[in-house]
Amino acid sequence: MADVLVNTYKNIYVERFGLLQKTNSRFTDDAHLMNIIDRIISRVGRRIDESSPMVDARLPDGSRVNAIIPPLAIDGPILSIRRFSVNPLKMEDLINYKALTPDIAQLLAGCVKAKLNIMISGGTGAGKTTLLNILSAYIPATRGSSPSRIPPNCSCSRSMWSALKPGAKHRGDRPGDSARSGAKQFAHAPRPHRHREVRGAEAFDMLQAMNTATKAP
């Protein structure tokens, strides 16, 4: 099971082997679902209410949680939980699954080792983070890497790996600026040998850094 989707208290879906399946389970009412959402969100130090009706957070195990409540959610609270594999895929797995050929795998590995800029993009669930994890294994241990947003599901085991979590406001930041501030700071200040995972306006700053600094996978 990869995803749990709660589309109002009446409808609960789970994803198994890439397919969404509706379950027979349901919550008692909106209040019951709201209570569960509040318990999940409060565990990671976040809050959700009418003044802040949407939350995107991560659980301690790396699962991604998104919740939307009224007045944004017209028909009632909505909750989604995206779980990640305990055993991350490797390049050999992609080859065995025929997701790519051995020649392409060798090319990608060579691009990383040659310090070429690589951009991974795609829709939700397309495998962006999975591919990022796999490619990170080819980064030499002497080179550091730092994603611009914290991805606990990133399985890079390098000792020089560091992760950032946008969210804490800096003095003078406008709403939504914290992620861009972090991207700018760590893309240029410590060392330019970085690979980053971004999902917002900070992508612009990442591209600027990639084009003005040393080549960075």
Protein backbone atom coordinates (compact mmCIF):
# COMPACT_ATOMS: atom_id res chain seq x y z
CA MET A 1 0.00 0.00 0.00
CA ALA A 2 1.47 3.38 -1.06
CA ASP A 3 -1.25 6.01 -0.62
CA VAL A 4 -4.25 6.53 1.64
CA LEU A 5 -6.82 8.99 0.30
CA VAL A 6 -9.75 10.15 2.42
CA ASN A 7 -12.21 12.05 0.22
CA THR A 8 -14.58 13.23 2.97
CA TYR A 9 -15.47 10.91 5.84
CA LYS A 10 -17.56 8.64 3.58
CA ASN A 11 -14.96 7.63 1.03
CA ILE A 12 -11.58 6.06 1.80
CA TYR A 13 -9.26 4.82 -0.95
CA VAL A 14 -5.91 3.04 -0.82
CA GLU A 15 -3.38 2.57 -3.58
CA ARG A 16 -2.11 -0.96 -4.11
CA PHE A 17 0.33 -1.79 -6.90
CA GLY A 18 -0.37 1.52 -8.60
CA LEU A 19 -4.17 1.20 -8.58
CA LEU A 20 -6.64 3.06 -6.35
CA GLN A 21 -9.14 0.84 -4.58
CA LYS A 22 -12.12 1.98 -2.54
CA THR A 23 -12.35 0.38 0.90
CA ASN A 24 -15.38 -0.51 2.99
CA SER A 25 -14.02 1.59 5.86
CA ARG A 26 -15.37 5.04 6.68
CA PHE A 27 -15.31 7.59 9.46
CA THR A 28 -18.37 8.27 11.61
CA ASP A 29 -18.76 11.89 10.51
CA ASP A 30 -16.83 15.07 9.77
CA ALA A 31 -16.02 15.57 13.44
CA HIS A 32 -14.48 12.11 13.66
CA LEU A 33 -12.27 12.76 10.63
CA MET A 34 -11.33 16.22 11.92
CA ASN A 35 -10.23 14.69 15.21
CA ILE A 36 -7.97 12.21 13.40
CA ILE A 37 -6.49 14.95 11.20
CA ASP A 38 -5.80 17.13 14.24
CA ARG A 39 -4.07 14.25 16.04
CA ILE A 40 -1.87 13.51 13.02
CA ILE A 41 -0.94 17.13 12.38
CA SER A 42 -0.27 17.98 16.02
CA ARG A 43 2.30 15.17 16.24
CA VAL A 44 4.59 17.10 13.90
CA GLY A 45 4.03 20.45 15.58
CA ARG A 46 1.60 21.84 13.02
CA ARG A 47 -1.94 23.12 13.34
CA ILE A 48 -4.99 23.24 11.12
CA ASP A 49 -8.08 25.38 11.64
CA GLU A 50 -10.31 27.85 9.80
CA SER A 51 -7.55 30.46 9.69
CA SER A 52 -5.09 27.89 8.31
CA PRO A 53 -7.26 25.30 6.55
CA MET A 54 -4.53 23.53 4.57
CA VAL A 55 -1.45 21.67 5.82
CA ASP A 56 1.31 19.82 3.99
CA ALA A 57 3.58 18.04 6.45
CA ARG A 58 5.75 14.97 6.99
CA LEU A 59 5.42 12.31 9.64
CA PRO A 60 8.43 10.96 11.57
CA ASP A 61 8.61 7.92 9.27
CA GLY A 62 8.85 10.17 6.20
CA SER A 63 5.25 9.77 5.05
CA ARG A 64 3.80 12.89 3.45
CA VAL A 65 0.51 14.17 4.83
CA ASN A 66 -1.80 16.70 3.21
CA ALA A 67 -5.03 17.84 4.82
CA ILE A 68 -7.62 20.38 3.69
CA ILE A 69 -10.62 21.37 5.78
CA PRO A 70 -13.55 23.77 5.40
CA PRO A 71 -13.92 26.49 4.27
CA LEU A 72 -11.47 25.42 1.54
CA ALA A 73 -12.87 21.88 1.36
CA ILE A 74 -16.52 22.43 0.48
CA ASP A 75 -17.83 18.89 1.04
CA GLY A 76 -15.89 18.22 4.23
CA PRO A 77 -12.33 17.48 5.41
CA ILE A 78 -9.96 15.78 2.98
CA LEU A 79 -6.86 13.83 4.01
CA SER A 80 -4.13 12.13 2.02
CA ILE A 81 -1.13 10.18 3.28
CA ARG A 82 1.65 9.14 0.94
CA ARG A 83 3.82 6.34 2.25
CA PHE A 84 7.27 5.46 0.96
CA SER A 85 8.91 2.11 0.50
CA VAL A 86 10.93 0.75 3.41
CA ASN A 87 13.37 -0.79 0.94
CA PRO A 88 14.28 1.88 -1.65
CA LEU A 89 14.70 0.81 -5.25
CA LYS A 90 18.16 0.57 -6.80
CA MET A 91 19.32 1.05 -10.38
CA GLU A 92 19.31 -2.72 -10.84
CA ASP A 93 15.62 -2.78 -9.94
CA LEU A 94 14.78 -0.20 -12.61
CA ILE A 95 16.64 -2.28 -15.17
CA ASN A 96 14.89 -5.48 -14.08
CA TYR A 97 11.50 -3.74 -14.25
CA LYS A 98 12.43 -2.49 -17.75
CA ALA A 99 11.94 1.10 -16.65
CA LEU A 100 15.21 1.87 -18.43
CA THR A 101 17.94 0.04 -20.30
CA PRO A 102 21.43 -0.80 -18.99
CA ASP A 103 22.88 1.72 -21.45
CA ILE A 104 20.69 4.54 -20.09
CA ALA A 105 21.59 3.53 -16.52
CA GLN A 106 25.27 3.74 -17.38
CA LEU A 107 24.74 7.12 -19.04
CA LEU A 108 22.94 8.55 -15.99
CA ALA A 109 25.63 7.26 -13.65
CA GLY A 110 28.28 8.81 -15.85
CA CYS A 111 26.47 12.16 -15.87
CA VAL A 112 26.45 12.24 -12.06
CA LYS A 113 30.12 11.31 -11.81
CA ALA A 114 30.98 13.94 -14.43
CA LYS A 115 29.23 16.63 -12.33
CA LEU A 116 26.71 17.44 -15.04
CA ASN A 117 23.53 19.31 -14.15
CA ILE A 118 20.55 16.95 -14.10
CA MET A 119 16.95 18.07 -13.68
CA ILE A 120 14.32 15.51 -12.68
CA SER A 121 10.72 16.61 -13.14
CA GLY A 122 7.33 14.97 -13.45
CA GLY A 123 3.88 14.59 -12.00
CA THR A 124 2.89 13.29 -8.59
CA GLY A 125 3.89 9.66 -8.14
CA ALA A 126 5.99 9.63 -11.32
CA GLY A 127 9.09 8.49 -9.41
CA LYS A 128 11.09 11.73 -9.14
CA THR A 129 12.33 11.10 -5.60
CA THR A 130 12.96 7.43 -6.37
CA LEU A 131 15.22 8.36 -9.27
CA LEU A 132 16.91 11.07 -7.17
CA ASN A 133 17.67 8.48 -4.49
CA ILE A 134 19.13 6.10 -7.05
CA LEU A 135 21.31 8.72 -8.72
CA SER A 136 22.57 10.00 -5.36
CA ALA A 137 24.29 6.66 -4.84
CA TYR A 138 26.75 7.63 -7.59
CA ILE A 139 27.84 10.85 -5.87
CA PRO A 140 31.41 10.40 -4.54
CA ALA A 141 31.64 10.44 -0.75
CA THR A 142 33.97 13.45 -0.95
CA ARG A 143 31.25 15.66 -2.36
CA GLY A 144 28.43 17.04 -0.25
CA SER A 145 24.82 17.41 -1.22
CA SER A 146 21.94 19.36 0.21
CA PRO A 147 18.29 19.24 -0.86
CA SER A 148 16.46 22.55 -0.59
CA ARG A 149 13.46 20.96 1.10
CA ILE A 150 13.71 18.18 3.60
CA PRO A 151 12.83 14.80 2.10
CA PRO A 152 13.05 12.06 4.77
CA ASN A 153 12.31 9.58 2.02
CA CYS A 154 15.59 10.49 0.35
CA SER A 155 17.85 7.57 1.15
CA CYS A 156 21.23 9.11 0.38
CA SER A 157 23.65 7.81 3.01
CA ARG A 158 26.52 10.20 2.34
CA SER A 159 28.12 11.62 5.47
CA MET A 160 28.27 15.05 3.79
CA TRP A 161 24.53 15.08 3.11
CA SER A 162 22.48 17.81 4.75
CA ALA A 163 18.75 18.47 4.56
CA LEU A 164 16.80 21.70 4.86
CA LYS A 165 13.21 22.22 5.89
CA PRO A 166 11.58 25.40 4.64
CA GLY A 167 8.94 26.70 6.98
CA ALA A 168 10.69 28.64 9.72
CA LYS A 169 10.26 32.31 8.91
CA HIS A 170 13.27 34.61 8.69
CA ARG A 171 13.05 38.24 9.66
CA GLY A 172 11.86 40.24 6.68
CA ASP A 173 10.56 37.23 4.77
CA ARG A 174 7.24 37.55 3.01
CA PRO A 175 4.87 34.57 3.11
CA GLY A 176 6.39 31.74 1.10
CA ASP A 177 9.86 33.27 1.05
CA SER A 178 11.52 30.93 3.55
CA ALA A 179 12.03 28.13 1.03
CA ARG A 180 13.62 30.54 -1.45
CA SER A 181 15.86 32.00 1.26
CA GLY A 182 17.13 28.54 2.13
CA ALA A 183 17.67 27.65 -1.50
CA LYS A 184 19.69 30.79 -2.15
CA GLN A 185 21.76 30.44 1.01
CA PHE A 186 22.76 26.81 0.59
CA ALA A 187 23.05 26.89 -3.20
CA HIS A 188 25.72 29.59 -3.09
CA ALA A 189 27.22 29.85 0.39
CA PRO A 190 28.65 26.51 1.66
CA ARG A 191 29.77 24.85 -1.58
CA PRO A 192 28.16 24.68 -5.01
CA HIS A 193 28.41 20.86 -5.21
CA ARG A 194 24.81 20.29 -4.39
CA HIS A 195 21.84 18.38 -5.64
CA ARG A 196 18.47 19.66 -4.58
CA GLU A 197 14.84 18.67 -4.44
CA VAL A 198 12.48 21.60 -4.79
CA ARG A 199 8.77 21.99 -5.35
CA GLY A 200 7.99 25.68 -5.45
CA ALA A 201 9.20 29.13 -6.42
CA GLU A 202 12.66 28.20 -5.12
CA ALA A 203 13.15 26.20 -8.34
CA PHE A 204 14.05 29.50 -10.01
CA ASP A 205 16.84 30.10 -7.50
CA MET A 206 18.08 26.55 -7.95
CA LEU A 207 18.31 27.04 -11.72
CA GLN A 208 20.18 30.30 -11.20
CA ALA A 209 22.69 28.57 -8.95
CA MET A 210 23.13 25.71 -11.42
CA ASN A 211 23.92 28.17 -14.20
CA THR A 212 26.25 30.46 -12.25
CA ALA A 213 28.08 28.05 -9.93
CA THR A 214 30.21 24.96 -10.43
CA LYS A 215 28.44 22.09 -12.15
CA ALA A 216 26.22 20.32 -9.62
CA PRO A 217 24.15 17.14 -10.12
